[in-house]
Amino acid sequence: MKIRYKRQPAWNWLLYLGLIYIFLLLGPLAGFDISRVVGEIAKNPELLIQQILVGLVNGAIIAIIALGYTMVYGIIELINFAHGDLYMLGGFTALSAIGAFGVTDSSTWQQSLIPILAALIISAVVCASINILTERYAYRPLRKAPKLAPLISAIGISFILQNIGLFWGGLGSFIPVMGGNAAAPKSFPDLLPRIDILKQLGIETSIQFTTKDLIVLLFAILLMTGLQLFVKYTRWGKAMRAVAQNPDAARIMGINVDQIIVMTFLIGGALAGAAGLMVGLYNNTIVFTMGFTAGLRAFTAAVLGGIGNIVGAMLGGVLIGLLSALSDQYFSSRWTNAWVFAVLVIILAFRPGGLLGENVQEKV
């Protein structure tokens, strides 16, 4: 049974406002000087637009990863901490697949198209398969156990996947594109065209928005829109929503709950594989530790938007991307995670369920 949160007492709101005031007062010690930032924006507004574009592209990728977190939590209320490392394996799978086709930086766009599509399919299938096996053998036996048990299991799977990535990165003698040093970042071929769209349109500006940015952004939007339409209008999607609402009632109505859960992990894994490919093509480098940082930000995005809410995960991902880009530019990159989580804490203080989530809690 779920009950709504009680209205916050007036003194609680005063406490939150006081914390925000202290945050703003002490902010300059960590580079958060509003007057300086406003001056820089007024002096160079094009730089602000540039960072917004960067934030949108990075935020779209974060949103794709966040969808995996929010879907699994919405169905079985499990925080799958291994999802970030699954996305990392998607990047390694895509790099191995592209390397098998012999594609390099000097390859033309026409020569790269088929290998990219093949790498997308292979990475999606591999990550979906890993996710299904994880659900079958690590999560399903603990489904009726106390919630702490599957959570610890998810953390353990995360370490296992991360070490698989480390081992994979050291297979230089078998997979030449991986290089020799297992822990070193791996170079991803620069296969997406990099044409400055604004200059091609005759717009003279210092803002750079390339076809590479546009392709990644459109691809992310396509995946997110397709998932939303799938969940909202298809038979499988309706079954997912029914299981998320009440698994026991869904089972009584003839829905195969286990099958729906497997489908959820399959879709989440495929999205993680697609995100791994996109990051490799966009940043042109991958490393076995990248799943931790990306997973942390994606989980934060899911909570910020309202975990269990697909649109909320998209919104949270974009907000995290924008906050990170603006912090890197106007404050300091070493404080970026601190600012992101500070904003998360402030929003959750006023909206415990997230921006688009329901303010409900389970009755103990």
Protein backbone atom coordinates (compact mmCIF):
# COMPACT_ATOMS: atom_id res chain seq x y z
CA MET A 1 0.00 0.00 0.00
CA LYS A 2 1.19 3.48 -0.80
CA ILE A 3 0.38 6.69 1.01
CA ARG A 4 1.15 10.26 0.11
CA TYR A 5 3.82 12.26 1.86
CA LYS A 6 2.55 14.66 4.47
CA ARG A 7 2.77 18.35 3.73
CA GLN A 8 6.07 19.83 4.90
CA PRO A 9 5.75 21.94 8.08
CA ALA A 10 6.48 25.65 7.66
CA TRP A 11 9.69 25.48 9.71
CA ASN A 12 11.01 22.78 7.35
CA TRP A 13 10.69 25.14 4.41
CA LEU A 14 12.54 27.83 6.37
CA LEU A 15 15.29 25.30 7.09
CA TYR A 16 15.61 24.40 3.41
CA LEU A 17 15.75 28.08 2.43
CA GLY A 18 18.41 28.62 5.08
CA LEU A 19 20.49 25.77 3.67
CA ILE A 20 20.19 27.25 0.18
CA TYR A 21 21.32 30.63 1.57
CA ILE A 22 24.35 29.04 3.23
CA PHE A 23 25.07 27.19 -0.02
CA LEU A 24 25.08 30.46 -1.95
CA LEU A 25 27.09 32.21 0.77
CA LEU A 26 29.83 29.58 0.84
CA GLY A 27 29.69 28.95 -2.90
CA PRO A 28 32.48 31.41 -3.81
CA LEU A 29 34.91 29.28 -1.77
CA ALA A 30 34.34 26.53 -4.34
CA GLY A 31 34.33 28.86 -7.34
CA PHE A 32 30.57 29.51 -7.29
CA ASP A 33 30.62 33.29 -7.75
CA ILE A 34 27.33 34.33 -9.34
CA SER A 35 28.46 37.89 -10.15
CA ARG A 36 31.54 36.58 -11.98
CA VAL A 37 29.48 34.04 -13.92
CA VAL A 38 26.92 36.66 -14.95
CA GLY A 39 29.76 38.90 -16.12
CA GLU A 40 31.30 36.13 -18.21
CA ILE A 41 27.94 35.29 -19.78
CA ALA A 42 27.30 38.95 -20.64
CA LYS A 43 30.79 39.25 -22.11
CA ASN A 44 30.57 36.11 -24.24
CA PRO A 45 26.98 34.80 -24.64
CA GLU A 46 28.06 32.53 -27.50
CA LEU A 47 30.13 30.51 -25.05
CA LEU A 48 26.98 29.91 -22.99
CA ILE A 49 25.13 28.66 -26.07
CA GLN A 50 28.06 26.39 -26.89
CA GLN A 51 28.00 24.81 -23.45
CA ILE A 52 24.23 24.36 -23.63
CA LEU A 53 24.66 22.43 -26.88
CA VAL A 54 27.40 20.28 -25.32
CA GLY A 55 25.19 19.69 -22.29
CA LEU A 56 22.24 18.65 -24.45
CA VAL A 57 24.28 16.06 -26.35
CA ASN A 58 25.90 14.63 -23.21
CA GLY A 59 22.59 14.79 -21.37
CA ALA A 60 20.87 12.78 -24.11
CA ILE A 61 23.46 10.01 -23.68
CA ILE A 62 23.02 10.09 -19.90
CA ALA A 63 19.26 9.86 -20.39
CA ILE A 64 19.64 6.69 -22.48
CA ILE A 65 21.62 5.06 -19.66
CA ALA A 66 19.16 6.38 -17.05
CA LEU A 67 16.29 4.63 -18.84
CA GLY A 68 17.78 1.28 -17.89
CA TYR A 69 17.80 2.24 -14.22
CA THR A 70 14.29 3.63 -14.20
CA MET A 71 12.73 0.73 -16.16
CA VAL A 72 14.12 -1.95 -13.84
CA TYR A 73 13.19 0.00 -10.73
CA GLY A 74 9.70 0.68 -12.07
CA ILE A 75 9.08 -3.04 -12.60
CA ILE A 76 10.75 -4.79 -9.64
CA GLU A 77 11.92 -1.83 -7.50
CA LEU A 78 15.58 -2.85 -7.83
CA ILE A 79 18.41 -0.35 -8.20
CA ASN A 80 20.56 -2.16 -10.76
CA PHE A 81 23.98 -0.72 -9.92
CA ALA A 82 25.54 -2.98 -12.56
CA HIS A 83 23.85 -1.06 -15.37
CA GLY A 84 26.65 1.50 -15.71
CA ASP A 85 29.26 -1.23 -16.16
CA LEU A 86 26.99 -2.95 -18.67
CA TYR A 87 27.09 0.26 -20.71
CA MET A 88 30.90 0.15 -20.47
CA LEU A 89 30.89 -3.38 -21.91
CA GLY A 90 28.68 -2.08 -24.71
CA GLY A 91 31.45 0.33 -25.65
CA PHE A 92 34.06 -2.44 -25.59
CA THR A 93 31.82 -4.72 -27.66
CA ALA A 94 31.26 -1.99 -30.24
CA LEU A 95 35.00 -1.26 -30.48
CA SER A 96 35.79 -4.96 -30.96
CA ALA A 97 33.09 -5.29 -33.63
CA ILE A 98 34.28 -2.20 -35.53
CA GLY A 99 37.88 -3.42 -35.28
CA ALA A 100 36.83 -6.77 -36.76
CA PHE A 101 35.61 -4.93 -39.86
CA GLY A 102 39.03 -3.29 -40.24
CA VAL A 103 37.58 0.23 -40.09
CA THR A 104 40.00 3.04 -39.18
CA ASP A 105 39.98 6.84 -38.86
CA SER A 106 40.87 7.10 -42.56
CA SER A 107 37.78 5.15 -43.64
CA THR A 108 35.10 7.10 -45.49
CA TRP A 109 31.58 7.59 -44.18
CA GLN A 110 30.25 5.14 -46.77
CA GLN A 111 32.77 2.50 -45.68
CA SER A 112 31.92 3.06 -42.00
CA LEU A 113 28.12 2.91 -42.22
CA ILE A 114 27.71 -0.88 -42.36
CA PRO A 115 30.29 -1.53 -39.57
CA ILE A 116 28.60 1.05 -37.33
CA LEU A 117 25.16 -0.53 -37.83
CA ALA A 118 26.64 -4.00 -37.25
CA ALA A 119 28.41 -2.77 -34.09
CA LEU A 120 25.13 -1.28 -32.87
CA ILE A 121 23.28 -4.57 -33.31
CA ILE A 122 26.10 -6.66 -31.82
CA SER A 123 26.61 -4.43 -28.77
CA ALA A 124 22.85 -4.27 -28.14
CA VAL A 125 22.50 -8.07 -28.38
CA VAL A 126 25.55 -8.75 -26.18
CA CYS A 127 24.48 -6.30 -23.46
CA ALA A 128 20.86 -7.49 -23.58
CA SER A 129 22.04 -11.10 -23.22
CA ILE A 130 24.29 -10.24 -20.26
CA ASN A 131 21.42 -8.38 -18.61
CA ILE A 132 19.03 -11.30 -19.09
CA LEU A 133 21.52 -13.77 -17.62
CA THR A 134 22.14 -11.42 -14.70
CA GLU A 135 18.41 -11.22 -14.00
CA ARG A 136 17.98 -14.99 -14.28
CA TYR A 137 20.83 -16.10 -12.05
CA ALA A 138 21.60 -13.12 -9.77
CA TYR A 139 18.34 -11.25 -9.23
CA ARG A 140 15.46 -13.68 -9.73
CA PRO A 141 16.44 -16.04 -6.86
CA LEU A 142 16.47 -13.01 -4.55
CA ARG A 143 13.22 -11.48 -5.74
CA LYS A 144 11.36 -12.34 -2.52
CA ALA A 145 14.35 -11.75 -0.27
CA PRO A 146 14.80 -8.56 1.78
CA LYS A 147 15.55 -5.61 -0.52
CA LEU A 148 19.11 -5.33 0.77
CA ALA A 149 20.03 -8.76 -0.68
CA PRO A 150 19.43 -7.97 -4.40
CA LEU A 151 21.04 -4.56 -3.87
CA ILE A 152 24.26 -6.18 -2.62
CA SER A 153 24.01 -8.66 -5.49
CA ALA A 154 23.80 -5.78 -7.98
CA ILE A 155 26.93 -4.21 -6.51
CA GLY A 156 28.72 -7.56 -6.82
CA ILE A 157 27.66 -7.92 -10.47
CA SER A 158 28.99 -4.39 -11.05
CA PHE A 159 32.45 -5.40 -9.84
CA ILE A 160 32.35 -8.56 -11.97
CA LEU A 161 31.44 -6.63 -15.14
CA GLN A 162 34.08 -4.00 -14.44
CA ASN A 163 36.76 -6.67 -14.16
CA ILE A 164 35.52 -8.28 -17.37
CA GLY A 165 36.06 -4.90 -19.01
CA LEU A 166 39.57 -4.73 -17.54
CA PHE A 167 40.35 -8.23 -18.84
CA TRP A 168 38.82 -7.39 -22.22
CA GLY A 169 40.98 -4.27 -22.48
CA GLY A 170 44.12 -6.37 -21.98
CA LEU A 171 43.46 -8.70 -24.91
CA GLY A 172 45.73 -6.72 -27.20
CA SER A 173 47.37 -9.80 -28.67
CA PHE A 174 43.97 -11.21 -29.70
CA ILE A 175 42.10 -7.93 -30.37
CA PRO A 176 44.64 -5.44 -31.80
CA VAL A 177 42.36 -2.40 -31.36
CA MET A 178 42.50 -2.92 -27.58
CA GLY A 179 46.22 -2.22 -27.26
CA GLY A 180 48.53 -3.74 -24.68
CA ASN A 181 47.79 -1.91 -21.42
CA ALA A 182 44.55 -3.24 -19.95
CA ALA A 183 43.81 -0.18 -17.79
CA ALA A 184 44.69 2.42 -20.42
CA PRO A 185 41.92 4.22 -22.37
CA LYS A 186 41.21 2.68 -25.77
CA SER A 187 41.06 4.81 -28.90
CA PHE A 188 37.74 4.58 -30.75
CA PRO A 189 37.86 5.29 -34.53
CA ASP A 190 36.52 8.73 -35.44
CA LEU A 191 33.89 7.54 -37.90
CA LEU A 192 31.14 10.16 -37.67
CA PRO A 193 31.35 13.10 -40.09
CA ARG A 194 32.42 16.34 -38.46
CA ILE A 195 30.92 19.11 -40.59
CA ASP A 196 30.19 22.48 -38.97
CA ILE A 197 26.48 22.92 -39.67
CA LEU A 198 26.33 26.63 -38.83
CA LYS A 199 29.21 27.49 -41.16
CA GLN A 200 27.62 25.45 -43.93
CA LEU A 201 24.50 27.57 -43.44
CA GLY A 202 26.59 30.72 -43.81
CA ILE A 203 26.32 31.75 -40.15
CA GLU A 204 29.54 33.34 -38.91
CA THR A 205 29.86 32.50 -35.22
CA SER A 206 32.24 30.89 -32.78
CA ILE A 207 29.55 28.34 -31.86
CA GLN A 208 30.31 24.86 -33.15
CA PHE A 209 27.50 22.42 -33.81
CA THR A 210 28.68 19.62 -36.05
CA THR A 211 26.97 16.79 -37.86
CA LYS A 212 28.58 14.53 -35.26
CA ASP A 213 26.65 16.30 -32.49
CA LEU A 214 23.46 16.20 -34.53
CA ILE A 215 23.71 12.48 -35.31
CA VAL A 216 24.25 11.53 -31.66
CA LEU A 217 21.45 13.84 -30.49
CA LEU A 218 18.95 12.59 -33.09
CA PHE A 219 19.85 8.96 -32.39
CA ALA A 220 19.28 9.45 -28.67
CA ILE A 221 15.96 11.20 -29.30
CA LEU A 222 14.91 8.37 -31.63
CA LEU A 223 15.66 5.72 -29.00
CA MET A 224 13.92 7.60 -26.20
CA THR A 225 10.85 8.37 -28.32
CA GLY A 226 10.65 4.79 -29.57
CA LEU A 227 10.77 3.45 -26.01
CA GLN A 228 8.07 5.85 -24.85
CA LEU A 229 5.78 4.86 -27.73
CA PHE A 230 6.51 1.17 -27.12
CA VAL A 231 5.60 1.37 -23.44
CA LYS A 232 2.53 3.50 -24.04
CA TYR A 233 0.89 1.87 -27.06
CA THR A 234 2.08 -1.72 -27.55
CA ARG A 235 0.71 -4.83 -25.87
CA TRP A 236 4.08 -5.55 -24.25
CA GLY A 237 4.26 -1.98 -23.00
CA LYS A 238 0.81 -2.15 -21.44
CA ALA A 239 1.81 -5.40 -19.74
CA MET A 240 4.94 -3.69 -18.36
CA ARG A 241 2.84 -0.89 -16.92
CA ALA A 242 0.45 -3.41 -15.38
CA VAL A 243 3.31 -5.32 -13.73
CA ALA A 244 4.82 -2.07 -12.48
CA GLN A 245 1.47 -1.08 -10.97
CA ASN A 246 0.69 -4.40 -9.26
CA PRO A 247 2.55 -7.64 -10.13
CA ASP A 248 0.09 -9.88 -8.27
CA ALA A 249 -2.95 -8.39 -10.01
CA ALA A 250 -1.15 -8.60 -13.36
CA ARG A 251 -0.42 -12.31 -12.75
CA ILE A 252 -4.10 -12.94 -11.92
CA MET A 253 -5.08 -11.25 -15.19
CA GLY A 254 -2.95 -13.77 -17.10
CA ILE A 255 0.21 -11.72 -17.64
CA ASN A 256 3.45 -13.69 -17.48
CA VAL A 257 5.27 -11.50 -14.94
CA ASP A 258 8.63 -13.30 -15.30
CA GLN A 259 8.50 -12.84 -19.07
CA ILE A 260 7.77 -9.13 -18.68
CA ILE A 261 10.68 -8.71 -16.28
CA VAL A 262 12.99 -10.47 -18.75
CA MET A 263 11.74 -8.16 -21.51
CA THR A 264 12.49 -5.15 -19.30
CA PHE A 265 16.06 -6.30 -18.70
CA LEU A 266 16.43 -7.06 -22.42
CA ILE A 267 15.39 -3.55 -23.43
CA GLY A 268 17.51 -1.93 -20.70
CA GLY A 269 20.56 -3.93 -21.77
CA ALA A 270 20.06 -3.08 -25.44
CA LEU A 271 19.84 0.62 -24.58
CA ALA A 272 23.05 0.34 -22.55
CA GLY A 273 24.81 -1.24 -25.55
CA ALA A 274 23.55 1.52 -27.84
CA ALA A 275 24.75 4.16 -25.37
CA GLY A 276 28.20 2.52 -25.22
CA LEU A 277 28.51 2.75 -29.01
CA MET A 278 27.32 6.36 -29.05
CA VAL A 279 29.83 7.44 -26.40
CA GLY A 280 32.64 5.69 -28.25
CA LEU A 281 31.75 7.40 -31.52
CA TYR A 282 31.30 10.78 -29.85
CA ASN A 283 34.29 10.89 -27.48
CA ASN A 284 36.54 8.56 -29.54
CA THR A 285 37.85 6.91 -26.38
CA ILE A 286 36.60 4.33 -23.89
CA VAL A 287 38.02 2.97 -20.63
CA PHE A 288 36.94 0.17 -18.31
CA THR A 289 36.17 2.63 -15.47
CA MET A 290 33.80 4.81 -17.48
CA GLY A 291 30.77 2.81 -16.34
CA PHE A 292 31.08 3.98 -12.73
CA THR A 293 30.94 7.73 -13.44
CA ALA A 294 28.31 7.43 -16.18
CA GLY A 295 26.25 5.04 -14.08
CA LEU A 296 26.36 7.37 -11.08
CA ARG A 297 25.19 10.33 -13.16
CA ALA A 298 22.54 8.25 -14.93
CA PHE A 299 21.18 6.98 -11.62
CA THR A 300 21.15 10.55 -10.33
CA ALA A 301 19.25 11.60 -13.47
CA ALA A 302 16.69 8.84 -12.90
CA VAL A 303 16.15 9.92 -9.29
CA LEU A 304 16.09 13.60 -10.22
CA GLY A 305 13.42 13.10 -12.89
CA GLY A 306 11.44 10.61 -10.81
CA ILE A 307 12.71 7.04 -10.77
CA GLY A 308 10.27 4.70 -12.47
CA ASN A 309 9.18 7.48 -14.84
CA ILE A 310 10.54 7.21 -18.39
CA VAL A 311 9.96 10.85 -19.30
CA GLY A 312 11.44 11.84 -15.95
CA ALA A 313 14.62 9.90 -16.75
CA MET A 314 14.92 11.78 -20.04
CA LEU A 315 14.39 15.13 -18.31
CA GLY A 316 16.83 14.25 -15.53
CA GLY A 317 19.49 13.19 -18.03
CA VAL A 318 19.26 16.46 -19.94
CA LEU A 319 19.39 18.49 -16.71
CA ILE A 320 22.47 16.58 -15.48
CA GLY A 321 24.16 17.13 -18.85
CA LEU A 322 23.44 20.86 -18.77
CA LEU A 323 24.54 21.26 -15.14
CA SER A 324 27.77 19.38 -15.81
CA ALA A 325 28.64 21.37 -18.93
CA LEU A 326 27.92 24.73 -17.28
CA SER A 327 29.85 23.77 -14.14
CA ASP A 328 32.87 22.64 -16.16
CA GLN A 329 32.91 25.96 -17.99
CA TYR A 330 32.02 28.55 -15.37
CA PHE A 331 33.12 26.96 -12.10
CA SER A 332 35.57 24.07 -11.97
CA SER A 333 35.41 20.52 -13.29
CA ARG A 334 36.57 19.16 -9.93
CA TRP A 335 33.42 20.59 -8.31
CA THR A 336 31.01 19.41 -11.00
CA ASN A 337 29.79 16.29 -9.17
CA ALA A 338 29.37 18.33 -5.99
CA TRP A 339 27.15 20.90 -7.75
CA VAL A 340 25.12 18.20 -9.47
CA PHE A 341 24.39 16.37 -6.22
CA ALA A 342 23.74 19.63 -4.39
CA VAL A 343 21.03 20.45 -6.92
CA LEU A 344 19.67 16.92 -6.52
CA VAL A 345 19.45 17.29 -2.73
CA ILE A 346 17.73 20.68 -3.01
CA ILE A 347 15.15 19.39 -5.53
CA LEU A 348 14.43 16.24 -3.53
CA ALA A 349 13.95 18.34 -0.40
CA PHE A 350 10.98 20.01 -2.11
CA ARG A 351 9.98 17.12 -4.41
CA PRO A 352 10.85 13.80 -2.67
CA GLY A 353 9.57 11.80 -5.63
CA GLY A 354 11.61 13.71 -8.21
CA LEU A 355 10.51 16.30 -10.75
CA LEU A 356 7.94 14.07 -12.47
CA GLY A 357 7.62 11.29 -9.89
CA GLU A 358 4.72 10.77 -7.53
CA ASN A 359 5.32 11.87 -3.95
CA VAL A 360 4.45 8.51 -2.44
CA GLN A 361 6.13 6.14 -0.05
CA GLU A 362 5.50 2.56 0.96
CA LYS A 363 3.69 2.12 4.24
CA VAL A 364 5.77 0.13 6.68
